[in-house]
Amino acid sequence: MTKNINFNVEKREIVGKKVKSLRQSGIVPGVVYGKEHEPISVQVENNKLEKIIEEVGFSTPLNIVIDKKEYFSILKDFDRDPVKRNIVNFEFQSISATDTIDAVVDLVLVGRGESPAEKAGYTVMQVLESVELRALPNKMPSEIEIELSELKEVGDHITLGDIKMPKGVEFTDKEIDLTAAVVNVYDPAQMEANNEAAGGDAEDVSEVESENGSEETPEEKAE
C-alpha cells in the first residue's frame, strides 16, 4: 500500500506570458486536470516541486491540496529549461483510487557488481531502463527490481518475461514481447574487438547481441 503523501499548491491567477514573472521569482506554474473537474491553474515553489517529483516520480499517487481540498493525483508531465535546468511547468492528473492507471516504472538492477558473471570479468549491460505498467494507483510500484545473482556467463540474460510482477500489476501492452531483453551478459574483450573493427566508433549493442545470439535491443520508450 502506498503511503499517504500530501502536496500543497496554490491556485494561480497569473496566466499566459505573464507567468514569466512567476518563474523569475522561483515559482513554477502548473495545472491539475481530471475527468471530474475543470483544469485548475496552480503554482508552487520550485524547490518544493523538485522534492516531490524526486519522491513520487510518475508512478506514486499523492494528494494535491488546493484551498484545503484534496485531489488524488499522479504526476503526468513536467518540463525543464534546456539551459538552466529548472522546472518551467508541470501537470498532475486527478484520478480515482478504484480505477487502474498506466505509469512508466524504472527497472532497477539489484546486486550490481556482485553477480557471478561480473566476478568472472564479464560485463552486465542493461538495455531496457523502464517499462509501462498497469495497476490500481495504490498498487503501482515505484520501481521494479531486477536481481542479477543468476547471471553467470556470456549469453545469459534477463527478459521481461523473467520479471516477477507484484500482485495486481501487469504490463500495459497486452502484446508486449516477453522475450525482449532487460539485461545481457557480454565478454568485454569481444566488445573491444568489435569496436576496433568498427574503426573506434561507439559500440552498437545490437551488433554484440547479434554475435552473442541474443535478442535485439528493445526500442526505447517514447517520451
Protein backbone atom coordinates (compact mmCIF):
# COMPACT_ATOMS: atom_id res chain seq x y z
CA MET A 1 0.00 0.00 0.00
CA THR A 2 1.35 3.40 -0.98
CA LYS A 3 1.87 5.82 1.89
CA ASN A 4 -0.27 8.95 2.11
CA ILE A 5 1.52 11.95 0.60
CA ASN A 6 0.03 15.45 0.67
CA PHE A 7 1.37 18.23 -1.55
CA ASN A 8 0.09 21.76 -1.06
CA VAL A 9 -0.11 24.08 -4.07
CA GLU A 10 -1.75 27.45 -4.60
CA LYS A 11 -4.36 28.46 -7.14
CA ARG A 12 -2.80 30.56 -9.88
CA GLU A 13 -4.31 33.77 -11.17
CA ILE A 14 -1.44 34.72 -13.48
CA VAL A 15 -1.70 33.09 -16.93
CA GLY A 16 -0.25 33.46 -20.42
CA LYS A 17 3.05 35.23 -20.98
CA LYS A 18 2.82 36.84 -17.55
CA VAL A 19 3.87 33.55 -15.92
CA LYS A 20 7.44 34.53 -16.81
CA SER A 21 7.39 36.80 -13.76
CA LEU A 22 6.48 33.81 -11.59
CA ARG A 23 9.42 31.78 -12.83
CA GLN A 24 11.78 34.70 -12.23
CA SER A 25 10.72 34.65 -8.57
CA GLY A 26 11.22 30.88 -8.19
CA ILE A 27 7.56 29.92 -8.65
CA VAL A 28 6.55 27.22 -11.15
CA PRO A 29 3.19 27.39 -12.96
CA GLY A 30 1.25 24.18 -13.45
CA VAL A 31 -2.16 22.60 -13.90
CA VAL A 32 -4.22 19.88 -12.23
CA TYR A 33 -6.76 18.24 -14.55
CA GLY A 34 -9.09 15.27 -14.38
CA LYS A 35 -12.39 13.77 -15.50
CA GLU A 36 -14.34 15.06 -12.52
CA HIS A 37 -13.39 18.75 -12.63
CA GLU A 38 -12.25 21.58 -14.86
CA PRO A 39 -8.48 22.13 -15.19
CA ILE A 40 -7.14 24.09 -12.22
CA SER A 41 -4.25 26.51 -12.76
CA VAL A 42 -1.82 26.21 -9.85
CA GLN A 43 1.63 27.32 -8.75
CA VAL A 44 4.28 26.18 -6.27
CA GLU A 45 7.82 27.00 -5.23
CA ASN A 46 10.45 25.34 -7.43
CA ASN A 47 12.37 23.69 -4.59
CA LYS A 48 9.20 22.10 -3.18
CA LEU A 49 8.26 20.80 -6.61
CA GLU A 50 11.72 19.31 -7.15
CA LYS A 51 11.47 17.43 -3.84
CA ILE A 52 8.02 15.99 -4.54
CA ILE A 53 8.95 14.89 -8.06
CA GLU A 54 12.02 13.12 -6.70
CA GLU A 55 9.81 11.40 -4.12
CA VAL A 56 6.86 10.28 -6.24
CA GLY A 57 8.11 10.15 -9.84
CA PHE A 58 5.43 9.25 -12.37
CA SER A 59 4.02 6.20 -10.60
CA THR A 60 3.31 7.10 -6.96
CA PRO A 61 -0.08 8.73 -6.27
CA LEU A 62 -0.43 11.65 -3.88
CA ASN A 63 -2.99 14.15 -2.66
CA ILE A 64 -2.72 17.56 -4.30
CA VAL A 65 -4.15 20.02 -1.77
CA ILE A 66 -5.71 23.20 -3.20
CA ASP A 67 -7.54 25.53 -0.80
CA LYS A 68 -7.85 22.65 1.69
CA LYS A 69 -9.46 20.38 -0.93
CA GLU A 70 -7.64 17.18 -1.85
CA TYR A 71 -7.25 15.79 -5.36
CA PHE A 72 -5.92 12.23 -5.52
CA SER A 73 -3.43 12.53 -8.39
CA ILE A 74 -0.35 11.35 -10.22
CA LEU A 75 2.37 13.36 -11.94
CA LYS A 76 1.84 13.29 -15.70
CA ASP A 77 4.47 15.66 -17.08
CA PHE A 78 6.97 18.43 -16.39
CA ASP A 79 9.47 20.40 -18.47
CA ARG A 80 12.85 21.91 -17.67
CA ASP A 81 14.63 24.92 -19.07
CA PRO A 82 17.16 23.47 -21.55
CA VAL A 83 19.96 25.66 -20.18
CA LYS A 84 19.23 26.43 -16.52
CA ARG A 85 17.56 23.01 -15.96
CA ASN A 86 14.97 24.43 -13.55
CA ILE A 87 11.38 23.19 -13.92
CA VAL A 88 9.27 25.57 -16.01
CA ASN A 89 5.86 23.86 -15.89
CA PHE A 90 4.15 20.73 -14.58
CA GLU A 91 0.95 18.70 -14.87
CA PHE A 92 -0.84 16.49 -12.35
CA GLN A 93 -3.86 14.33 -13.23
CA SER A 94 -6.53 13.68 -10.64
CA ILE A 95 -7.61 10.03 -10.63
CA SER A 96 -9.89 7.58 -8.86
CA ALA A 97 -8.40 5.15 -6.34
CA THR A 98 -10.63 2.43 -7.81
CA ASP A 99 -9.58 2.84 -11.45
CA THR A 100 -6.39 1.38 -12.87
CA ILE A 101 -3.70 3.72 -14.14
CA ASP A 102 -0.80 3.34 -16.55
CA ALA A 103 2.65 4.53 -15.47
CA VAL A 104 6.23 4.20 -16.68
CA VAL A 105 8.25 2.45 -13.97
CA ASP A 106 12.04 2.22 -13.73
CA LEU A 107 13.76 -1.18 -13.86
CA VAL A 108 16.44 -1.12 -11.16
CA LEU A 109 19.33 -3.59 -11.09
CA VAL A 110 19.96 -5.25 -7.73
CA GLY A 111 23.35 -6.73 -6.86
CA ARG A 112 25.35 -4.76 -9.42
CA GLY A 113 28.98 -5.90 -9.29
CA GLU A 114 28.12 -9.00 -7.25
CA SER A 115 26.79 -11.35 -9.92
CA PRO A 116 28.87 -14.46 -10.81
CA ALA A 117 29.21 -13.10 -14.36
CA GLU A 118 30.74 -9.81 -13.20
CA LYS A 119 33.04 -11.55 -10.75
CA ALA A 120 34.25 -13.67 -13.69
CA GLY A 121 35.17 -10.48 -15.55
CA TYR A 122 32.18 -10.24 -17.87
CA THR A 123 30.09 -7.13 -18.50
CA VAL A 124 26.45 -6.92 -17.44
CA MET A 125 24.66 -4.35 -19.60
CA GLN A 126 21.15 -3.03 -19.02
CA VAL A 127 19.41 -2.49 -22.36
CA LEU A 128 15.92 -1.61 -21.08
CA GLU A 129 15.62 1.10 -18.42
CA SER A 130 11.87 1.24 -17.82
CA VAL A 131 8.53 -0.29 -18.75
CA GLU A 132 4.90 0.86 -18.71
CA LEU A 133 2.72 -0.96 -16.16
CA ARG A 134 -0.97 -1.01 -15.25
CA ALA A 135 -2.33 -1.27 -11.73
CA LEU A 136 -4.60 0.37 -9.20
CA PRO A 137 -2.97 3.62 -8.00
CA ASN A 138 -2.10 2.28 -4.56
CA LYS A 139 -0.71 -0.95 -6.05
CA MET A 140 1.57 0.71 -8.60
CA PRO A 141 5.23 0.05 -7.67
CA SER A 142 7.65 2.97 -7.65
CA GLU A 143 10.23 0.69 -9.31
CA ILE A 144 10.79 -2.93 -10.33
CA GLU A 145 13.92 -4.63 -9.00
CA ILE A 146 15.90 -6.89 -11.34
CA GLU A 147 18.03 -9.43 -9.45
CA LEU A 148 21.36 -10.22 -11.14
CA SER A 149 22.52 -13.14 -9.00
CA GLU A 150 21.62 -15.79 -11.61
CA LEU A 151 23.81 -14.27 -14.35
CA LYS A 152 26.91 -16.44 -14.76
CA GLU A 153 28.33 -16.40 -18.29
CA VAL A 154 28.30 -14.74 -21.71
CA GLY A 155 24.88 -15.09 -23.32
CA ASP A 156 22.98 -15.15 -20.05
CA HIS A 157 20.19 -12.59 -20.00
CA ILE A 158 17.08 -11.45 -18.17
CA THR A 159 13.94 -10.80 -20.21
CA LEU A 160 10.65 -9.04 -19.49
CA GLY A 161 9.11 -12.47 -19.06
CA ASP A 162 11.54 -13.22 -16.23
CA ILE A 163 10.28 -10.30 -14.13
CA LYS A 164 8.22 -11.32 -11.11
CA MET A 165 5.37 -8.83 -11.06
CA PRO A 166 3.79 -7.73 -7.77
CA LYS A 167 0.22 -8.92 -7.28
CA GLY A 168 -2.26 -6.82 -9.21
CA VAL A 169 0.37 -5.36 -11.56
CA GLU A 170 0.62 -6.12 -15.28
CA PHE A 171 2.22 -4.77 -18.43
CA THR A 172 0.11 -2.08 -20.08
CA ASP A 173 0.77 -3.56 -23.51
CA LYS A 174 -1.03 -6.90 -23.68
CA GLU A 175 1.08 -7.89 -26.69
CA ILE A 176 4.45 -6.86 -25.26
CA ASP A 177 7.36 -9.06 -26.33
CA LEU A 178 8.19 -11.02 -23.17
CA THR A 179 11.41 -12.26 -24.78
CA ALA A 180 12.77 -8.70 -25.01
CA ALA A 181 15.99 -8.42 -23.04
CA VAL A 182 16.33 -6.21 -19.97
CA VAL A 183 19.91 -7.26 -19.17
CA ASN A 184 22.55 -9.11 -21.21
CA VAL A 185 25.99 -10.50 -20.35
CA TYR A 186 28.85 -9.70 -22.72
CA ASP A 187 32.53 -10.50 -23.00
CA PRO A 188 34.36 -7.12 -22.73
CA ALA A 189 37.17 -8.42 -24.96
CA GLN A 190 34.65 -9.19 -27.69
CA MET A 191 33.08 -5.76 -27.29
CA GLU A 192 36.50 -4.11 -27.64
CA ALA A 193 37.30 -6.18 -30.73
CA ASN A 194 34.01 -5.19 -32.32
CA ASN A 195 34.69 -1.57 -31.50
CA GLU A 196 38.13 -1.69 -33.13
CA ALA A 197 36.69 -3.43 -36.18
CA ALA A 198 34.21 -0.57 -36.48
CA GLY A 199 37.07 1.93 -36.57
CA GLY A 200 36.77 3.01 -32.95
CA ASP A 201 33.15 4.08 -33.14
CA ALA A 202 30.97 3.71 -30.07
CA GLU A 203 29.81 0.15 -29.52
CA ASP A 204 26.49 -0.74 -31.11
CA VAL A 205 24.70 -3.02 -28.67
CA SER A 206 22.74 -4.74 -31.43
CA GLU A 207 26.00 -5.87 -33.07
CA VAL A 208 27.18 -7.51 -29.89
CA GLU A 209 23.78 -9.11 -29.34
CA SER A 210 23.83 -10.48 -32.88
CA GLU A 211 27.18 -12.16 -32.29
CA ASN A 212 26.02 -13.49 -28.91
CA GLY A 213 22.81 -14.81 -30.39
CA SER A 214 20.75 -12.68 -28.03
CA GLU A 215 17.55 -10.76 -28.62
CA GLU A 216 17.63 -7.42 -30.40
CA THR A 217 17.66 -4.33 -28.24
CA PRO A 218 14.09 -3.31 -27.33
CA GLU A 219 13.06 0.12 -28.52
CA GLU A 220 13.47 2.91 -26.01
CA LYS A 221 10.24 4.27 -24.68
CA ALA A 222 8.83 7.30 -26.42
CA GLU A 223 8.59 10.23 -24.08
